[in-house]
PDB file of N, CA and C in Angstrom:
ATOM      1  N   MET A   1       0.812  -1.175  -0.004  1.00  0.00           N
ATOM      2  CA  MET A   1      -0.010  -0.013  -0.020  1.00  0.00           C
ATOM      3  C   MET A   1       0.887   1.217  -0.019  1.00  0.00           C
ATOM      4  N   TYR A   2       0.415   2.258  -0.687  1.00  0.00           N
ATOM      5  CA  TYR A   2       1.122   3.514  -0.742  1.00  0.00           C
ATOM      6  C   TYR A   2       0.279   4.576  -0.078  1.00  0.00           C
ATOM      7  N   ALA A   3       0.861   5.409   0.765  1.00  0.00           N
ATOM      8  CA  ALA A   3       0.126   6.389   1.491  1.00  0.00           C
ATOM      9  C   ALA A   3       0.984   7.597   1.762  1.00  0.00           C
ATOM     10  N   ILE A   4       0.262   8.704   2.087  1.00  0.00           N
ATOM     11  CA  ILE A   4       0.922   9.934   2.516  1.00  0.00           C
ATOM     12  C   ILE A   4       0.626  10.133   3.995  1.00  0.00           C
ATOM     13  N   LYS A   5       1.673  10.279   4.780  1.00  0.00           N
ATOM     14  CA  LYS A   5       1.534  10.466   6.176  1.00  0.00           C
ATOM     15  C   LYS A   5       1.303  11.953   6.499  1.00  0.00           C
ATOM     16  N   ILE A   6       0.203  12.261   7.192  1.00  0.00           N
ATOM     17  CA  ILE A   6      -0.004  13.692   7.513  1.00  0.00           C
ATOM     18  C   ILE A   6      -0.055  13.917   9.004  1.00  0.00           C
ATOM     19  N   GLY A   7       0.120  12.860   9.767  1.00  0.00           N
ATOM     20  CA  GLY A   7       0.153  12.919  11.224  1.00  0.00           C
ATOM     21  C   GLY A   7       0.679  11.628  11.812  1.00  0.00           C
ATOM     22  N   PRO A   8       0.967  11.614  13.083  1.00  0.00           N
ATOM     23  CA  PRO A   8       1.513  10.364  13.739  1.00  0.00           C
ATOM     24  C   PRO A   8       0.666   9.102  13.437  1.00  0.00           C
ATOM     25  N   ASN A   9      -0.644   9.225  13.409  1.00  0.00           N
ATOM     26  CA  ASN A   9      -1.496   8.055  13.153  1.00  0.00           C
ATOM     27  C   ASN A   9      -2.502   8.316  12.031  1.00  0.00           C
ATOM     28  N   THR A  10      -2.126   9.269  11.143  1.00  0.00           N
ATOM     29  CA  THR A  10      -3.081   9.616  10.037  1.00  0.00           C
ATOM     30  C   THR A  10      -2.350   9.488   8.712  1.00  0.00           C
ATOM     31  N   PHE A  11      -2.958   8.686   7.899  1.00  0.00           N
ATOM     32  CA  PHE A  11      -2.410   8.426   6.547  1.00  0.00           C
ATOM     33  C   PHE A  11      -3.514   8.557   5.518  1.00  0.00           C
ATOM     34  N   ILE A  12      -3.185   9.015   4.300  1.00  0.00           N
ATOM     35  CA  ILE A  12      -4.106   8.964   3.190  1.00  0.00           C
ATOM     36  C   ILE A  12      -3.546   7.951   2.271  1.00  0.00           C
ATOM     37  N   VAL A  13      -4.305   6.826   2.107  1.00  0.00           N
ATOM     38  CA  VAL A  13      -3.911   5.766   1.210  1.00  0.00           C
ATOM     39  C   VAL A  13      -4.244   6.158  -0.199  1.00  0.00           C
ATOM     40  N   THR A  14      -3.241   6.104  -1.085  1.00  0.00           N
ATOM     41  CA  THR A  14      -3.442   6.489  -2.484  1.00  0.00           C
ATOM     42  C   THR A  14      -3.498   5.296  -3.404  1.00  0.00           C
ATOM     43  N   GLY A  15      -3.098   4.172  -2.966  1.00  0.00           N
ATOM     44  CA  GLY A  15      -3.179   2.969  -3.841  1.00  0.00           C
ATOM     45  C   GLY A  15      -2.337   1.828  -3.301  1.00  0.00           C
ATOM     46  N   GLY A  16      -2.100   0.873  -4.170  1.00  0.00           N
ATOM     47  CA  GLY A  16      -1.277  -0.224  -3.758  1.00  0.00           C
ATOM     48  C   GLY A  16      -0.816  -1.026  -5.017  1.00  0.00           C
ATOM     49  N   ALA A  17       0.252  -1.757  -4.821  1.00  0.00           N
ATOM     50  CA  ALA A  17       0.815  -2.517  -5.921  1.00  0.00           C
ATOM     51  C   ALA A  17       1.851  -3.515  -5.285  1.00  0.00           C
ATOM     52  N   ILE A  18       2.121  -4.517  -6.009  1.00  0.00           N
ATOM     53  CA  ILE A  18       3.179  -5.483  -5.578  1.00  0.00           C
ATOM     54  C   ILE A  18       4.496  -5.007  -6.154  1.00  0.00           C
ATOM     55  N   LYS A  19       5.461  -4.745  -5.281  1.00  0.00           N
ATOM     56  CA  LYS A  19       6.761  -4.265  -5.702  1.00  0.00           C
ATOM     57  C   LYS A  19       7.813  -5.293  -5.421  1.00  0.00           C
ATOM     58  N   LEU A  20       8.320  -5.866  -6.502  1.00  0.00           N
ATOM     59  CA  LEU A  20       9.382  -6.884  -6.424  1.00  0.00           C
ATOM     60  C   LEU A  20      10.757  -6.393  -6.933  1.00  0.00           C
ATOM     61  N   VAL A  21      10.836  -5.064  -7.084  1.00  0.00           N
ATOM     62  CA  VAL A  21      12.072  -4.473  -7.625  1.00  0.00           C
ATOM     63  C   VAL A  21      12.588  -3.458  -6.579  1.00  0.00           C
ATOM     64  N   GLY A  22      13.779  -2.897  -6.800  1.00  0.00           N
ATOM     65  CA  GLY A  22      14.401  -2.029  -5.860  1.00  0.00           C
ATOM     66  C   GLY A  22      13.710  -0.696  -5.714  1.00  0.00           C
ATOM     67  N   THR A  23      13.250  -0.064  -6.847  1.00  0.00           N
ATOM     68  CA  THR A  23      12.698   1.230  -6.786  1.00  0.00           C
ATOM     69  C   THR A  23      11.371   1.268  -7.572  1.00  0.00           C
ATOM     70  N   MET A  24      10.555   2.239  -7.345  1.00  0.00           N
ATOM     71  CA  MET A  24       9.316   2.420  -8.054  1.00  0.00           C
ATOM     72  C   MET A  24       9.515   2.796  -9.513  1.00  0.00           C
ATOM     73  N   ASP A  25      10.687   3.260  -9.870  1.00  0.00           N
ATOM     74  CA  ASP A  25      10.961   3.741 -11.210  1.00  0.00           C
ATOM     75  C   ASP A  25      11.196   2.543 -12.200  1.00  0.00           C
ATOM     76  N   GLU A  26      11.205   1.364 -11.701  1.00  0.00           N
ATOM     77  CA  GLU A  26      11.612   0.214 -12.533  1.00  0.00           C
ATOM     78  C   GLU A  26      10.462  -0.432 -13.268  1.00  0.00           C
ATOM     79  N   ARG A  27       9.192  -0.123 -12.853  1.00  0.00           N
ATOM     80  CA  ARG A  27       8.033  -0.764 -13.502  1.00  0.00           C
ATOM     81  C   ARG A  27       6.933   0.285 -13.773  1.00  0.00           C
ATOM     82  N   THR A  28       6.263   0.088 -14.886  1.00  0.00           N
ATOM     83  CA  THR A  28       5.202   1.036 -15.333  1.00  0.00           C
ATOM     84  C   THR A  28       4.105   1.145 -14.282  1.00  0.00           C
ATOM     85  N   HIS A  29       3.612   0.008 -13.749  1.00  0.00           N
ATOM     86  CA  HIS A  29       2.477   0.090 -12.786  1.00  0.00           C
ATOM     87  C   HIS A  29       2.941   0.836 -11.536  1.00  0.00           C
ATOM     88  N   LEU A  30       4.207   0.766 -11.144  1.00  0.00           N
ATOM     89  CA  LEU A  30       4.656   1.456  -9.960  1.00  0.00           C
ATOM     90  C   LEU A  30       4.865   2.949 -10.240  1.00  0.00           C
ATOM     91  N   LEU A  31       5.221   3.282 -11.442  1.00  0.00           N
ATOM     92  CA  LEU A  31       5.313   4.681 -11.856  1.00  0.00           C
ATOM     93  C   LEU A  31       3.965   5.366 -11.719  1.00  0.00           C
ATOM     94  N   LYS A  32       2.860   4.670 -12.069  1.00  0.00           N
ATOM     95  CA  LYS A  32       1.541   5.205 -11.925  1.00  0.00           C
ATOM     96  C   LYS A  32       1.202   5.459 -10.470  1.00  0.00           C
ATOM     97  N   GLU A  33       1.596   4.525  -9.591  1.00  0.00           N
ATOM     98  CA  GLU A  33       1.367   4.696  -8.172  1.00  0.00           C
ATOM     99  C   GLU A  33       2.206   5.877  -7.605  1.00  0.00           C
ATOM    100  N   LYS A  34       3.436   6.027  -8.130  1.00  0.00           N
ATOM    101  CA  LYS A  34       4.262   7.127  -7.684  1.00  0.00           C
ATOM    102  C   LYS A  34       3.701   8.450  -8.117  1.00  0.00           C
ATOM    103  N   GLN A  35       3.109   8.524  -9.322  1.00  0.00           N
ATOM    104  CA  GLN A  35       2.518   9.749  -9.852  1.00  0.00           C
ATOM    105  C   GLN A  35       1.296  10.118  -8.976  1.00  0.00           C
ATOM    106  N   LYS A  36       0.515   9.117  -8.608  1.00  0.00           N
ATOM    107  CA  LYS A  36      -0.651   9.383  -7.751  1.00  0.00           C
ATOM    108  C   LYS A  36      -0.220   9.956  -6.427  1.00  0.00           C
ATOM    109  N   LEU A  37       0.873   9.448  -5.806  1.00  0.00           N
ATOM    110  CA  LEU A  37       1.359   9.998  -4.590  1.00  0.00           C
ATOM    111  C   LEU A  37       1.717  11.480  -4.766  1.00  0.00           C
ATOM    112  N   GLU A  38       2.386  11.802  -5.807  1.00  0.00           N
ATOM    113  CA  GLU A  38       2.808  13.209  -6.102  1.00  0.00           C
ATOM    114  C   GLU A  38       1.568  14.090  -6.340  1.00  0.00           C
ATOM    115  N   ASP A  39       0.602  13.586  -7.080  1.00  0.00           N
ATOM    116  CA  ASP A  39      -0.561  14.398  -7.427  1.00  0.00           C
ATOM    117  C   ASP A  39      -1.372  14.696  -6.099  1.00  0.00           C
ATOM    118  N   ILE A  40      -1.544  13.694  -5.234  1.00  0.00           N
ATOM    119  CA  ILE A  40      -2.274  13.898  -4.018  1.00  0.00           C
ATOM    120  C   ILE A  40      -1.480  14.851  -3.088  1.00  0.00           C
ATOM    121  N   LYS A  41      -0.157  14.666  -3.034  1.00  0.00           N
ATOM    122  CA  LYS A  41       0.640  15.526  -2.173  1.00  0.00           C
ATOM    123  C   LYS A  41       0.527  17.009  -2.638  1.00  0.00           C
ATOM    124  N   TYR A  42       0.559  17.213  -3.954  1.00  0.00           N
ATOM    125  CA  TYR A  42       0.426  18.521  -4.507  1.00  0.00           C
ATOM    126  C   TYR A  42      -0.942  19.156  -4.135  1.00  0.00           C
ATOM    127  N   TYR A  43      -2.002  18.293  -4.351  1.00  0.00           N
ATOM    128  CA  TYR A  43      -3.364  18.754  -4.049  1.00  0.00           C
ATOM    129  C   TYR A  43      -3.502  19.162  -2.541  1.00  0.00           C
ATOM    130  N   LEU A  44      -2.985  18.333  -1.638  1.00  0.00           N
ATOM    131  CA  LEU A  44      -3.090  18.646  -0.258  1.00  0.00           C
ATOM    132  C   LEU A  44      -2.365  19.956   0.078  1.00  0.00           C
ATOM    133  N   LYS A  45      -1.201  20.149  -0.452  1.00  0.00           N
ATOM    134  CA  LYS A  45      -0.501  21.446  -0.226  1.00  0.00           C
ATOM    135  C   LYS A  45      -1.269  22.622  -0.759  1.00  0.00           C
ATOM    136  N   GLU A  46      -1.818  22.463  -1.967  1.00  0.00           N
ATOM    137  CA  GLU A  46      -2.584  23.603  -2.580  1.00  0.00           C
ATOM    138  C   GLU A  46      -3.798  23.894  -1.722  1.00  0.00           C
ATOM    139  N   GLU A  47      -4.365  22.915  -1.057  1.00  0.00           N
ATOM    140  CA  GLU A  47      -5.606  23.125  -0.243  1.00  0.00           C
ATOM    141  C   GLU A  47      -5.212  23.539   1.228  1.00  0.00           C
ATOM    142  N   GLY A  48      -3.931  23.583   1.483  1.00  0.00           N
ATOM    143  CA  GLY A  48      -3.508  23.999   2.856  1.00  0.00           C
ATOM    144  C   GLY A  48      -3.596  22.941   3.867  1.00  0.00           C
ATOM    145  N   ILE A  49      -3.656  21.676   3.406  1.00  0.00           N
ATOM    146  CA  ILE A  49      -3.708  20.545   4.351  1.00  0.00           C
ATOM    147  C   ILE A  49      -2.291  20.046   4.539  1.00  0.00           C
ATOM    148  N   LEU A  50      -1.681  20.465   5.675  1.00  0.00           N
ATOM    149  CA  LEU A  50      -0.254  20.135   5.861  1.00  0.00           C
ATOM    150  C   LEU A  50      -0.016  19.252   7.048  1.00  0.00           C
ATOM    151  N   ASP A  51      -1.003  19.099   7.894  1.00  0.00           N
ATOM    152  CA  ASP A  51      -0.784  18.205   9.023  1.00  0.00           C
ATOM    153  C   ASP A  51      -2.125  17.647   9.468  1.00  0.00           C
ATOM    154  N   GLN A  52      -2.092  16.799  10.513  1.00  0.00           N
ATOM    155  CA  GLN A  52      -3.306  16.102  10.974  1.00  0.00           C
ATOM    156  C   GLN A  52      -4.387  17.077  11.362  1.00  0.00           C
ATOM    157  N   ASP A  53      -4.044  18.152  12.039  1.00  0.00           N
ATOM    158  CA  ASP A  53      -5.050  19.137  12.456  1.00  0.00           C
ATOM    159  C   ASP A  53      -5.792  19.731  11.227  1.00  0.00           C
ATOM    160  N   ASP A  54      -5.095  20.036  10.208  1.00  0.00           N
ATOM    161  CA  ASP A  54      -5.729  20.538   8.966  1.00  0.00           C
ATOM    162  C   ASP A  54      -6.711  19.549   8.394  1.00  0.00           C
ATOM    163  N   PHE A  55      -6.366  18.247   8.446  1.00  0.00           N
ATOM    164  CA  PHE A  55      -7.141  17.248   7.814  1.00  0.00           C
ATOM    165  C   PHE A  55      -8.419  17.069   8.580  1.00  0.00           C
ATOM    166  N   GLU A  56      -8.388  17.186   9.918  1.00  0.00           N
ATOM    167  CA  GLU A  56      -9.534  16.936  10.739  1.00  0.00           C
ATOM    168  C   GLU A  56     -10.672  17.979  10.511  1.00  0.00           C
ATOM    169  N   VAL A  57     -10.284  19.185  10.141  1.00  0.00           N
ATOM    170  CA  VAL A  57     -11.303  20.214   9.882  1.00  0.00           C
ATOM    171  C   VAL A  57     -11.709  20.288   8.410  1.00  0.00           C
ATOM    172  N   TYR A  58     -11.043  19.503   7.560  1.00  0.00           N
ATOM    173  CA  TYR A  58     -11.377  19.563   6.164  1.00  0.00           C
ATOM    174  C   TYR A  58     -12.335  18.424   5.809  1.00  0.00           C
ATOM    175  N   GLU A  59     -13.433  18.756   5.169  1.00  0.00           N
ATOM    176  CA  GLU A  59     -14.415  17.757   4.748  1.00  0.00           C
ATOM    177  C   GLU A  59     -14.225  17.359   3.349  1.00  0.00           C
ATOM    178  N   ILE A  60     -14.184  16.092   3.118  1.00  0.00           N
ATOM    179  CA  ILE A  60     -14.023  15.627   1.717  1.00  0.00           C
ATOM    180  C   ILE A  60     -15.334  15.151   1.223  1.00  0.00           C
TER     181      ILE A  60
END
């Protein structure tokens, strides 16, 4: 599973894949998961969600 940690016990799961290689750059399906992580991270920053407290008051 791939997730973005925004607090000690708060994660946003963005997807999952089986990784049998050293880095995510070695397989196409892992590159897609890596791009999702980057996209969500960018979105959260743009929306001002930077930590667990921000997430708790933000309604999705």
